[in-house]
mmCIF file of all heavy atoms, coordinates in Angstrom:
data_MODEL
# 
_entry.id   MODEL 
# 
loop_
_atom_site.group_PDB 
_atom_site.id 
_atom_site.type_symbol 
_atom_site.label_atom_id 
_atom_site.label_alt_id 
_atom_site.label_comp_id 
_atom_site.label_asym_id 
_atom_site.label_entity_id 
_atom_site.label_seq_id 
_atom_site.pdbx_PDB_ins_code 
_atom_site.Cartn_x 
_atom_site.Cartn_y 
_atom_site.Cartn_z 
_atom_site.occupancy 
_atom_site.B_iso_or_equiv 
_atom_site.pdbx_formal_charge 
_atom_site.auth_seq_id 
_atom_site.auth_comp_id 
_atom_site.auth_asym_id 
_atom_site.auth_atom_id 
_atom_site.pdbx_PDB_model_num 
ATOM 1   N N   . ASP A 1 1  ? -84.499 -107.753 19.235 1.00 0.00 ? 1  ASP A N   1 
ATOM 2   C CA  . ASP A 1 1  ? -84.500 -107.173 17.890 1.00 0.00 ? 1  ASP A CA  1 
ATOM 3   C C   . ASP A 1 1  ? -84.838 -105.691 17.921 1.00 0.00 ? 1  ASP A C   1 
ATOM 4   O O   . ASP A 1 1  ? -84.235 -104.898 17.203 1.00 0.00 ? 1  ASP A O   1 
ATOM 5   C CB  . ASP A 1 1  ? -85.502 -107.903 16.992 1.00 0.00 ? 1  ASP A CB  1 
ATOM 6   C CG  . ASP A 1 1  ? -85.037 -109.298 16.612 1.00 0.00 ? 1  ASP A CG  1 
ATOM 7   O OD1 . ASP A 1 1  ? -83.819 -109.538 16.676 1.00 0.00 ? 1  ASP A OD1 1 
ATOM 8   O OD2 . ASP A 1 1  ? -85.891 -110.124 16.250 1.00 0.00 ? 1  ASP A OD2 1 
ATOM 9   N N   . GLN A 1 2  ? -85.790 -105.310 18.749 1.00 0.00 ? 2  GLN A N   1 
ATOM 10  C CA  . GLN A 1 2  ? -86.131 -103.895 18.862 1.00 0.00 ? 2  GLN A CA  1 
ATOM 11  C C   . GLN A 1 2  ? -84.964 -103.087 19.426 1.00 0.00 ? 2  GLN A C   1 
ATOM 12  O O   . GLN A 1 2  ? -84.689 -101.980 18.964 1.00 0.00 ? 2  GLN A O   1 
ATOM 13  C CB  . GLN A 1 2  ? -87.348 -103.712 19.763 1.00 0.00 ? 2  GLN A CB  1 
ATOM 14  C CG  . GLN A 1 2  ? -88.654 -104.173 19.153 1.00 0.00 ? 2  GLN A CG  1 
ATOM 15  C CD  . GLN A 1 2  ? -89.788 -104.116 20.169 1.00 0.00 ? 2  GLN A CD  1 
ATOM 16  O OE1 . GLN A 1 2  ? -89.565 -104.305 21.365 1.00 0.00 ? 2  GLN A OE1 1 
ATOM 17  N NE2 . GLN A 1 2  ? -90.992 -103.850 19.683 1.00 0.00 ? 2  GLN A NE2 1 
ATOM 18  N N   . LEU A 1 3  ? -84.276 -103.639 20.412 1.00 0.00 ? 3  LEU A N   1 
ATOM 19  C CA  . LEU A 1 3  ? -83.134 -102.940 21.002 1.00 0.00 ? 3  LEU A CA  1 
ATOM 20  C C   . LEU A 1 3  ? -82.004 -102.762 19.998 1.00 0.00 ? 3  LEU A C   1 
ATOM 21  O O   . LEU A 1 3  ? -81.407 -101.692 19.906 1.00 0.00 ? 3  LEU A O   1 
ATOM 22  C CB  . LEU A 1 3  ? -82.622 -103.695 22.228 1.00 0.00 ? 3  LEU A CB  1 
ATOM 23  C CG  . LEU A 1 3  ? -83.497 -103.637 23.463 1.00 0.00 ? 3  LEU A CG  1 
ATOM 24  C CD1 . LEU A 1 3  ? -82.932 -104.538 24.548 1.00 0.00 ? 3  LEU A CD1 1 
ATOM 25  C CD2 . LEU A 1 3  ? -83.603 -102.227 23.969 1.00 0.00 ? 3  LEU A CD2 1 
ATOM 26  N N   . THR A 1 4  ? -81.699 -103.799 19.230 1.00 0.00 ? 4  THR A N   1 
ATOM 27  C CA  . THR A 1 4  ? -80.629 -103.673 18.248 1.00 0.00 ? 4  THR A CA  1 
ATOM 28  C C   . THR A 1 4  ? -81.024 -102.725 17.121 1.00 0.00 ? 4  THR A C   1 
ATOM 29  O O   . THR A 1 4  ? -80.171 -102.003 16.598 1.00 0.00 ? 4  THR A O   1 
ATOM 30  C CB  . THR A 1 4  ? -80.230 -105.043 17.674 1.00 0.00 ? 4  THR A CB  1 
ATOM 31  O OG1 . THR A 1 4  ? -81.386 -105.692 17.140 1.00 0.00 ? 4  THR A OG1 1 
ATOM 32  C CG2 . THR A 1 4  ? -79.582 -105.912 18.727 1.00 0.00 ? 4  THR A CG2 1 
ATOM 33  N N   . ASP A 1 5  ? -82.292 -102.709 16.746 1.00 0.00 ? 5  ASP A N   1 
ATOM 34  C CA  . ASP A 1 5  ? -82.742 -101.748 15.727 1.00 0.00 ? 5  ASP A CA  1 
ATOM 35  C C   . ASP A 1 5  ? -82.550 -100.314 16.198 1.00 0.00 ? 5  ASP A C   1 
ATOM 36  O O   . ASP A 1 5  ? -82.084 -99.458  15.446 1.00 0.00 ? 5  ASP A O   1 
ATOM 37  C CB  . ASP A 1 5  ? -84.207 -101.985 15.367 1.00 0.00 ? 5  ASP A CB  1 
ATOM 38  C CG  . ASP A 1 5  ? -84.420 -103.254 14.572 1.00 0.00 ? 5  ASP A CG  1 
ATOM 39  O OD1 . ASP A 1 5  ? -83.426 -103.805 14.066 1.00 0.00 ? 5  ASP A OD1 1 
ATOM 40  O OD2 . ASP A 1 5  ? -85.587 -103.693 14.464 1.00 0.00 ? 5  ASP A OD2 1 
ATOM 41  N N   . MET A 1 6  ? -82.907 -100.057 17.456 1.00 0.00 ? 6  MET A N   1 
ATOM 42  C CA  . MET A 1 6  ? -82.715 -98.706  18.007 1.00 0.00 ? 6  MET A CA  1 
ATOM 43  C C   . MET A 1 6  ? -81.238 -98.351  18.092 1.00 0.00 ? 6  MET A C   1 
ATOM 44  O O   . MET A 1 6  ? -80.842 -97.216  17.819 1.00 0.00 ? 6  MET A O   1 
ATOM 45  C CB  . MET A 1 6  ? -83.355 -98.599  19.397 1.00 0.00 ? 6  MET A CB  1 
ATOM 46  C CG  . MET A 1 6  ? -84.864 -98.558  19.385 1.00 0.00 ? 6  MET A CG  1 
ATOM 47  S SD  . MET A 1 6  ? -85.562 -98.189  20.999 1.00 0.00 ? 6  MET A SD  1 
ATOM 48  C CE  . MET A 1 6  ? -85.190 -99.668  21.913 1.00 0.00 ? 6  MET A CE  1 
ATOM 49  N N   . LEU A 1 7  ? -80.403 -99.320  18.457 1.00 0.00 ? 7  LEU A N   1 
ATOM 50  C CA  . LEU A 1 7  ? -78.976 -99.079  18.569 1.00 0.00 ? 7  LEU A CA  1 
ATOM 51  C C   . LEU A 1 7  ? -78.355 -98.741  17.218 1.00 0.00 ? 7  LEU A C   1 
ATOM 52  O O   . LEU A 1 7  ? -77.592 -97.790  17.095 1.00 0.00 ? 7  LEU A O   1 
ATOM 53  C CB  . LEU A 1 7  ? -78.269 -100.295 19.176 1.00 0.00 ? 7  LEU A CB  1 
ATOM 54  C CG  . LEU A 1 7  ? -76.750 -100.205 19.213 1.00 0.00 ? 7  LEU A CG  1 
ATOM 55  C CD1 . LEU A 1 7  ? -76.326 -99.244  20.299 1.00 0.00 ? 7  LEU A CD1 1 
ATOM 56  C CD2 . LEU A 1 7  ? -76.138 -101.550 19.394 1.00 0.00 ? 7  LEU A CD2 1 
ATOM 57  N N   . VAL A 1 8  ? -78.697 -99.510  16.202 1.00 0.00 ? 8  VAL A N   1 
ATOM 58  C CA  . VAL A 1 8  ? -78.152 -99.255  14.870 1.00 0.00 ? 8  VAL A CA  1 
ATOM 59  C C   . VAL A 1 8  ? -78.615 -97.898  14.356 1.00 0.00 ? 8  VAL A C   1 
ATOM 60  O O   . VAL A 1 8  ? -77.832 -97.131  13.789 1.00 0.00 ? 8  VAL A O   1 
ATOM 61  C CB  . VAL A 1 8  ? -78.554 -100.388 13.898 1.00 0.00 ? 8  VAL A CB  1 
ATOM 62  C CG1 . VAL A 1 8  ? -78.263 -100.020 12.465 1.00 0.00 ? 8  VAL A CG1 1 
ATOM 63  C CG2 . VAL A 1 8  ? -77.837 -101.669 14.274 1.00 0.00 ? 8  VAL A CG2 1 
ATOM 64  N N   . PHE A 1 9  ? -79.870 -97.581  14.571 1.00 0.00 ? 9  PHE A N   1 
ATOM 65  C CA  . PHE A 1 9  ? -80.408 -96.295  14.132 1.00 0.00 ? 9  PHE A CA  1 
ATOM 66  C C   . PHE A 1 9  ? -79.637 -95.141  14.775 1.00 0.00 ? 9  PHE A C   1 
ATOM 67  O O   . PHE A 1 9  ? -79.147 -94.235  14.091 1.00 0.00 ? 9  PHE A O   1 
ATOM 68  C CB  . PHE A 1 9  ? -81.894 -96.222  14.485 1.00 0.00 ? 9  PHE A CB  1 
ATOM 69  C CG  . PHE A 1 9  ? -82.555 -94.938  14.099 1.00 0.00 ? 9  PHE A CG  1 
ATOM 70  C CD1 . PHE A 1 9  ? -82.926 -94.701  12.795 1.00 0.00 ? 9  PHE A CD1 1 
ATOM 71  C CD2 . PHE A 1 9  ? -82.802 -93.955  15.041 1.00 0.00 ? 9  PHE A CD2 1 
ATOM 72  C CE1 . PHE A 1 9  ? -83.538 -93.522  12.415 1.00 0.00 ? 9  PHE A CE1 1 
ATOM 73  C CE2 . PHE A 1 9  ? -83.404 -92.764  14.699 1.00 0.00 ? 9  PHE A CE2 1 
ATOM 74  C CZ  . PHE A 1 9  ? -83.778 -92.555  13.377 1.00 0.00 ? 9  PHE A CZ  1 
ATOM 75  N N   . ALA A 1 10 ? -79.496 -95.185  16.094 1.00 0.00 ? 10 ALA A N   1 
ATOM 76  C CA  . ALA A 1 10 ? -78.807 -94.103  16.801 1.00 0.00 ? 10 ALA A CA  1 
ATOM 77  C C   . ALA A 1 10 ? -77.322 -94.071  16.453 1.00 0.00 ? 10 ALA A C   1 
ATOM 78  O O   . ALA A 1 10 ? -76.742 -92.988  16.286 1.00 0.00 ? 10 ALA A O   1 
ATOM 79  C CB  . ALA A 1 10 ? -78.991 -94.270  18.306 1.00 0.00 ? 10 ALA A CB  1 
ATOM 80  N N   . SER A 1 11 ? -76.697 -95.219  16.319 1.00 0.00 ? 11 SER A N   1 
ATOM 81  C CA  . SER A 1 11 ? -75.266 -95.260  16.016 1.00 0.00 ? 11 SER A CA  1 
ATOM 82  C C   . SER A 1 11 ? -74.960 -94.611  14.683 1.00 0.00 ? 11 SER A C   1 
ATOM 83  O O   . SER A 1 11 ? -74.001 -93.843  14.566 1.00 0.00 ? 11 SER A O   1 
ATOM 84  C CB  . SER A 1 11 ? -74.769 -96.703  16.005 1.00 0.00 ? 11 SER A CB  1 
ATOM 85  O OG  . SER A 1 11 ? -74.874 -97.269  17.275 1.00 0.00 ? 11 SER A OG  1 
ATOM 86  N N   . PHE A 1 12 ? -75.749 -94.913  13.671 1.00 0.00 ? 12 PHE A N   1 
ATOM 87  C CA  . PHE A 1 12 ? -75.448 -94.368  12.354 1.00 0.00 ? 12 PHE A CA  1 
ATOM 88  C C   . PHE A 1 12 ? -75.750 -92.882  12.251 1.00 0.00 ? 12 PHE A C   1 
ATOM 89  O O   . PHE A 1 12 ? -75.163 -92.196  11.414 1.00 0.00 ? 12 PHE A O   1 
ATOM 90  C CB  . PHE A 1 12 ? -76.148 -95.173  11.261 1.00 0.00 ? 12 PHE A CB  1 
ATOM 91  C CG  . PHE A 1 12 ? -75.323 -96.343  10.822 1.00 0.00 ? 12 PHE A CG  1 
ATOM 92  C CD1 . PHE A 1 12 ? -75.488 -97.578  11.412 1.00 0.00 ? 12 PHE A CD1 1 
ATOM 93  C CD2 . PHE A 1 12 ? -74.346 -96.181  9.859  1.00 0.00 ? 12 PHE A CD2 1 
ATOM 94  C CE1 . PHE A 1 12 ? -74.705 -98.651  11.037 1.00 0.00 ? 12 PHE A CE1 1 
ATOM 95  C CE2 . PHE A 1 12 ? -73.557 -97.248  9.474  1.00 0.00 ? 12 PHE A CE2 1 
ATOM 96  C CZ  . PHE A 1 12 ? -73.731 -98.491  10.064 1.00 0.00 ? 12 PHE A CZ  1 
ATOM 97  N N   . ILE A 1 13 ? -76.612 -92.368  13.097 1.00 0.00 ? 13 ILE A N   1 
ATOM 98  C CA  . ILE A 1 13 ? -76.778 -90.910  13.155 1.00 0.00 ? 13 ILE A CA  1 
ATOM 99  C C   . ILE A 1 13 ? -75.468 -90.277  13.610 1.00 0.00 ? 13 ILE A C   1 
ATOM 100 O O   . ILE A 1 13 ? -74.977 -89.319  13.008 1.00 0.00 ? 13 ILE A O   1 
ATOM 101 C CB  . ILE A 1 13 ? -77.935 -90.533  14.107 1.00 0.00 ? 13 ILE A CB  1 
ATOM 102 C CG1 . ILE A 1 13 ? -79.272 -90.911  13.489 1.00 0.00 ? 13 ILE A CG1 1 
ATOM 103 C CG2 . ILE A 1 13 ? -77.902 -89.037  14.426 1.00 0.00 ? 13 ILE A CG2 1 
ATOM 104 C CD1 . ILE A 1 13 ? -80.452 -90.715  14.412 1.00 0.00 ? 13 ILE A CD1 1 
ATOM 105 N N   . PHE A 1 14 ? -74.863 -90.839  14.651 1.00 0.00 ? 14 PHE A N   1 
ATOM 106 C CA  . PHE A 1 14 ? -73.629 -90.270  15.182 1.00 0.00 ? 14 PHE A CA  1 
ATOM 107 C C   . PHE A 1 14 ? -72.429 -90.578  14.295 1.00 0.00 ? 14 PHE A C   1 
ATOM 108 O O   . PHE A 1 14 ? -71.506 -89.764  14.196 1.00 0.00 ? 14 PHE A O   1 
ATOM 109 C CB  . PHE A 1 14 ? -73.407 -90.732  16.614 1.00 0.00 ? 14 PHE A CB  1 
ATOM 110 C CG  . PHE A 1 14 ? -74.396 -90.131  17.567 1.00 0.00 ? 14 PHE A CG  1 
ATOM 111 C CD1 . PHE A 1 14 ? -75.410 -90.889  18.112 1.00 0.00 ? 14 PHE A CD1 1 
ATOM 112 C CD2 . PHE A 1 14 ? -74.320 -88.789  17.885 1.00 0.00 ? 14 PHE A CD2 1 
ATOM 113 C CE1 . PHE A 1 14 ? -76.333 -90.324  18.977 1.00 0.00 ? 14 PHE A CE1 1 
ATOM 114 C CE2 . PHE A 1 14 ? -75.237 -88.202  18.753 1.00 0.00 ? 14 PHE A CE2 1 
ATOM 115 C CZ  . PHE A 1 14 ? -76.243 -88.980  19.291 1.00 0.00 ? 14 PHE A CZ  1 
ATOM 116 N N   . TYR A 1 15 ? -72.385 -91.743  13.645 1.00 0.00 ? 15 TYR A N   1 
ATOM 117 C CA  . TYR A 1 15 ? -71.305 -92.031  12.699 1.00 0.00 ? 15 TYR A CA  1 
ATOM 118 C C   . TYR A 1 15 ? -71.322 -91.023  11.557 1.00 0.00 ? 15 TYR A C   1 
ATOM 119 O O   . TYR A 1 15 ? -70.283 -90.504  11.154 1.00 0.00 ? 15 TYR A O   1 
ATOM 120 C CB  . TYR A 1 15 ? -71.433 -93.437  12.117 1.00 0.00 ? 15 TYR A CB  1 
ATOM 121 C CG  . TYR A 1 15 ? -71.239 -94.561  13.094 1.00 0.00 ? 15 TYR A CG  1 
ATOM 122 C CD1 . TYR A 1 15 ? -71.799 -95.809  12.850 1.00 0.00 ? 15 TYR A CD1 1 
ATOM 123 C CD2 . TYR A 1 15 ? -70.501 -94.415  14.268 1.00 0.00 ? 15 TYR A CD2 1 
ATOM 124 C CE1 . TYR A 1 15 ? -71.620 -96.862  13.719 1.00 0.00 ? 15 TYR A CE1 1 
ATOM 125 C CE2 . TYR A 1 15 ? -70.330 -95.455  15.145 1.00 0.00 ? 15 TYR A CE2 1 
ATOM 126 C CZ  . TYR A 1 15 ? -70.893 -96.678  14.867 1.00 0.00 ? 15 TYR A CZ  1 
ATOM 127 O OH  . TYR A 1 15 ? -70.722 -97.720  15.728 1.00 0.00 ? 15 TYR A OH  1 
ATOM 128 N N   . GLY A 1 16 ? -72.503 -90.769  11.027 1.00 0.00 ? 16 GLY A N   1 
ATOM 129 C CA  . GLY A 1 16 ? -72.622 -89.804  9.941  1.00 0.00 ? 16 GLY A CA  1 
ATOM 130 C C   . GLY A 1 16 ? -72.260 -88.394  10.386 1.00 0.00 ? 16 GLY A C   1 
ATOM 131 O O   . GLY A 1 16 ? -71.593 -87.652  9.660  1.00 0.00 ? 16 GLY A O   1 
ATOM 132 N N   . ALA A 1 17 ? -72.679 -88.013  11.587 1.00 0.00 ? 17 ALA A N   1 
ATOM 133 C CA  . ALA A 1 17 ? -72.351 -86.682  12.099 1.00 0.00 ? 17 ALA A CA  1 
ATOM 134 C C   . ALA A 1 17 ? -70.849 -86.533  12.323 1.00 0.00 ? 17 ALA A C   1 
ATOM 135 O O   . ALA A 1 17 ? -70.270 -85.470  12.053 1.00 0.00 ? 17 ALA A O   1 
ATOM 136 C CB  . ALA A 1 17 ? -73.102 -86.425  13.410 1.00 0.00 ? 17 ALA A CB  1 
ATOM 137 N N   . THR A 1 18 ? -70.200 -87.590  12.772 1.00 0.00 ? 18 THR A N   1 
ATOM 138 C CA  . THR A 1 18 ? -68.747 -87.548  12.962 1.00 0.00 ? 18 THR A CA  1 
ATOM 139 C C   . THR A 1 18 ? -68.030 -87.398  11.631 1.00 0.00 ? 18 THR A C   1 
ATOM 140 O O   . THR A 1 18 ? -67.088 -86.610  11.500 1.00 0.00 ? 18 THR A O   1 
ATOM 141 C CB  . THR A 1 18 ? -68.274 -88.823  13.680 1.00 0.00 ? 18 THR A CB  1 
ATOM 142 O OG1 . THR A 1 18 ? -68.963 -88.938  14.922 1.00 0.00 ? 18 THR A OG1 1 
ATOM 143 C CG2 . THR A 1 18 ? -66.779 -88.799  13.914 1.00 0.00 ? 18 THR A CG2 1 
ATOM 144 N N   . THR A 1 19 ? -68.475 -88.133  10.630 1.00 0.00 ? 19 THR A N   1 
ATOM 145 C CA  . THR A 1 19 ? -67.859 -88.027  9.307  1.00 0.00 ? 19 THR A CA  1 
ATOM 146 C C   . THR A 1 19 ? -68.122 -86.660  8.697  1.00 0.00 ? 19 THR A C   1 
ATOM 147 O O   . THR A 1 19 ? -67.244 -86.089  8.042  1.00 0.00 ? 19 THR A O   1 
ATOM 148 C CB  . THR A 1 19 ? -68.400 -89.141  8.389  1.00 0.00 ? 19 THR A CB  1 
ATOM 149 O OG1 . THR A 1 19 ? -68.250 -90.398  9.055  1.00 0.00 ? 19 THR A OG1 1 
ATOM 150 C CG2 . THR A 1 19 ? -67.651 -89.181  7.081  1.00 0.00 ? 19 THR A CG2 1 
ATOM 151 N N   . LEU A 1 20 ? -69.292 -86.123  8.916  1.00 0.00 ? 20 LEU A N   1 
ATOM 152 C CA  . LEU A 1 20 ? -69.591 -84.773  8.447  1.00 0.00 ? 20 LEU A CA  1 
ATOM 153 C C   . LEU A 1 20 ? -68.671 -83.755  9.128  1.00 0.00 ? 20 LEU A C   1 
ATOM 154 O O   . LEU A 1 20 ? -68.269 -82.761  8.511  1.00 0.00 ? 20 LEU A O   1 
ATOM 155 C CB  . LEU A 1 20 ? -71.058 -84.440  8.714  1.00 0.00 ? 20 LEU A CB  1 
ATOM 156 C CG  . LEU A 1 20 ? -71.560 -83.096  8.201  1.00 0.00 ? 20 LEU A CG  1 
ATOM 157 C CD1 . LEU A 1 20 ? -71.460 -83.042  6.681  1.00 0.00 ? 20 LEU A CD1 1 
ATOM 158 C CD2 . LEU A 1 20 ? -72.987 -82.877  8.652  1.00 0.00 ? 20 LEU A CD2 1 
ATOM 159 N N   . GLY A 1 21 ? -68.310 -84.030  10.366 1.00 0.00 ? 21 GLY A N   1 
ATOM 160 C CA  . GLY A 1 21 ? -67.389 -83.156  11.085 1.00 0.00 ? 21 GLY A CA  1 
ATOM 161 C C   . GLY A 1 21 ? -66.031 -83.054  10.409 1.00 0.00 ? 21 GLY A C   1 
ATOM 162 O O   . GLY A 1 21 ? -65.355 -82.018  10.502 1.00 0.00 ? 21 GLY A O   1 
ATOM 163 N N   . VAL A 1 22 ? -65.605 -84.110  9.708  1.00 0.00 ? 22 VAL A N   1 
ATOM 164 C CA  . VAL A 1 22 ? -64.347 -84.055  8.963  1.00 0.00 ? 22 VAL A CA  1 
ATOM 165 C C   . VAL A 1 22 ? -64.430 -82.981  7.886  1.00 0.00 ? 22 VAL A C   1 
ATOM 166 O O   . VAL A 1 22 ? -63.513 -82.179  7.717  1.00 0.00 ? 22 VAL A O   1 
ATOM 167 C CB  . VAL A 1 22 ? -64.024 -85.434  8.339  1.00 0.00 ? 22 VAL A CB  1 
ATOM 168 C CG1 . VAL A 1 22 ? -62.843 -85.341  7.387  1.00 0.00 ? 22 VAL A CG1 1 
ATOM 169 C CG2 . VAL A 1 22 ? -63.758 -86.457  9.424  1.00 0.00 ? 22 VAL A CG2 1 
ATOM 170 N N   . PHE A 1 23 ? -65.542 -82.944  7.162  1.00 0.00 ? 23 PHE A N   1 
ATOM 171 C CA  . PHE A 1 23 ? -65.715 -81.933  6.119  1.00 0.00 ? 23 PHE A CA  1 
ATOM 172 C C   . PHE A 1 23 ? -65.782 -80.529  6.718  1.00 0.00 ? 23 PHE A C   1 
ATOM 173 O O   . PHE A 1 23 ? -65.210 -79.590  6.168  1.00 0.00 ? 23 PHE A O   1 
ATOM 174 C CB  . PHE A 1 23 ? -66.976 -82.207  5.298  1.00 0.00 ? 23 PHE A CB  1 
ATOM 175 C CG  . PHE A 1 23 ? -66.837 -83.394  4.387  1.00 0.00 ? 23 PHE A CG  1 
ATOM 176 C CD1 . PHE A 1 23 ? -67.503 -84.581  4.660  1.00 0.00 ? 23 PHE A CD1 1 
ATOM 177 C CD2 . PHE A 1 23 ? -66.063 -83.318  3.257  1.00 0.00 ? 23 PHE A CD2 1 
ATOM 178 C CE1 . PHE A 1 23 ? -67.392 -85.662  3.829  1.00 0.00 ? 23 PHE A CE1 1 
ATOM 179 C CE2 . PHE A 1 23 ? -65.931 -84.393  2.406  1.00 0.00 ? 23 PHE A CE2 1 
ATOM 180 C CZ  . PHE A 1 23 ? -66.596 -85.579  2.690  1.00 0.00 ? 23 PHE A CZ  1 
ATOM 181 N N   . VAL A 1 24 ? -66.487 -80.391  7.844  1.00 0.00 ? 24 VAL A N   1 
ATOM 182 C CA  . VAL A 1 24 ? -66.612 -79.082  8.482  1.00 0.00 ? 24 VAL A CA  1 
ATOM 183 C C   . VAL A 1 24 ? -65.242 -78.583  8.924  1.00 0.00 ? 24 VAL A C   1 
ATOM 184 O O   . VAL A 1 24 ? -64.897 -77.415  8.719  1.00 0.00 ? 24 VAL A O   1 
ATOM 185 C CB  . VAL A 1 24 ? -67.602 -79.147  9.673  1.00 0.00 ? 24 VAL A CB  1 
ATOM 186 C CG1 . VAL A 1 24 ? -67.578 -77.865  10.479 1.00 0.00 ? 24 VAL A CG1 1 
ATOM 187 C CG2 . VAL A 1 24 ? -69.006 -79.443  9.178  1.00 0.00 ? 24 VAL A CG2 1 
ATOM 188 N N   . LEU A 1 25 ? -64.448 -79.462  9.521  1.00 0.00 ? 25 LEU A N   1 
ATOM 189 C CA  . LEU A 1 25 ? -63.114 -79.051  9.955  1.00 0.00 ? 25 LEU A CA  1 
ATOM 190 C C   . LEU A 1 25 ? -62.213 -78.700  8.777  1.00 0.00 ? 25 LEU A C   1 
ATOM 191 O O   . LEU A 1 25 ? -61.368 -77.821  8.872  1.00 0.00 ? 25 LEU A O   1 
ATOM 192 C CB  . LEU A 1 25 ? -62.476 -80.147  10.806 1.00 0.00 ? 25 LEU A CB  1 
ATOM 193 C CG  . LEU A 1 25 ? -63.015 -80.264  12.216 1.00 0.00 ? 25 LEU A CG  1 
ATOM 194 C CD1 . LEU A 1 25 ? -62.375 -81.452  12.934 1.00 0.00 ? 25 LEU A CD1 1 
ATOM 195 C CD2 . LEU A 1 25 ? -62.765 -78.996  13.000 1.00 0.00 ? 25 LEU A CD2 1 
ATOM 196 N N   . ARG A 1 26 ? -62.372 -79.400  7.644  1.00 0.00 ? 26 ARG A N   1 
ATOM 197 C CA  . ARG A 1 26 ? -61.575 -79.072  6.452  1.00 0.00 ? 26 ARG A CA  1 
ATOM 198 C C   . ARG A 1 26 ? -61.881 -77.668  5.955  1.00 0.00 ? 26 ARG A C   1 
ATOM 199 O O   . ARG A 1 26 ? -60.995 -76.964  5.493  1.00 0.00 ? 26 ARG A O   1 
ATOM 200 C CB  . ARG A 1 26 ? -61.848 -80.044  5.318  1.00 0.00 ? 26 ARG A CB  1 
ATOM 201 C CG  . ARG A 1 26 ? -61.551 -81.456  5.611  1.00 0.00 ? 26 ARG A CG  1 
ATOM 202 C CD  . ARG A 1 26 ? -60.082 -81.615  5.816  1.00 0.00 ? 26 ARG A CD  1 
ATOM 203 N NE  . ARG A 1 26 ? -59.876 -82.904  6.417  1.00 0.00 ? 26 ARG A NE  1 
ATOM 204 C CZ  . ARG A 1 26 ? -58.833 -83.634  6.224  1.00 0.00 ? 26 ARG A CZ  1 
ATOM 205 N NH1 . ARG A 1 26 ? -57.877 -83.192  5.475  1.00 0.00 ? 26 ARG A NH1 1 
ATOM 206 N NH2 . ARG A 1 26 ? -58.719 -84.783  6.800  1.00 0.00 ? 26 ARG A NH2 1 
ATOM 207 N N   . VAL A 1 27 ? -63.140 -77.273  6.056  1.00 0.00 ? 27 VAL A N   1 
ATOM 208 C CA  . VAL A 1 27 ? -63.526 -75.937  5.601  1.00 0.00 ? 27 VAL A CA  1 
ATOM 209 C C   . VAL A 1 27 ? -63.068 -74.879  6.607  1.00 0.00 ? 27 VAL A C   1 
ATOM 210 O O   . VAL A 1 27 ? -62.541 -73.834  6.223  1.00 0.00 ? 27 VAL A O   1 
ATOM 211 C CB  . VAL A 1 27 ? -65.055 -75.867  5.377  1.00 0.00 ? 27 VAL A CB  1 
ATOM 212 C CG1 . VAL A 1 27 ? -65.503 -74.448  5.119  1.00 0.00 ? 27 VAL A CG1 1 
ATOM 213 C CG2 . VAL A 1 27 ? -65.462 -76.784  4.238  1.00 0.00 ? 27 VAL A CG2 1 
# 
């Protein structure tokens, strides 16, 4: 459970950063 919690936490940081990159590239 601790490992999956860490994985989800780290994954969503990078998912959000990737999606933010779409906006940055549009600008």
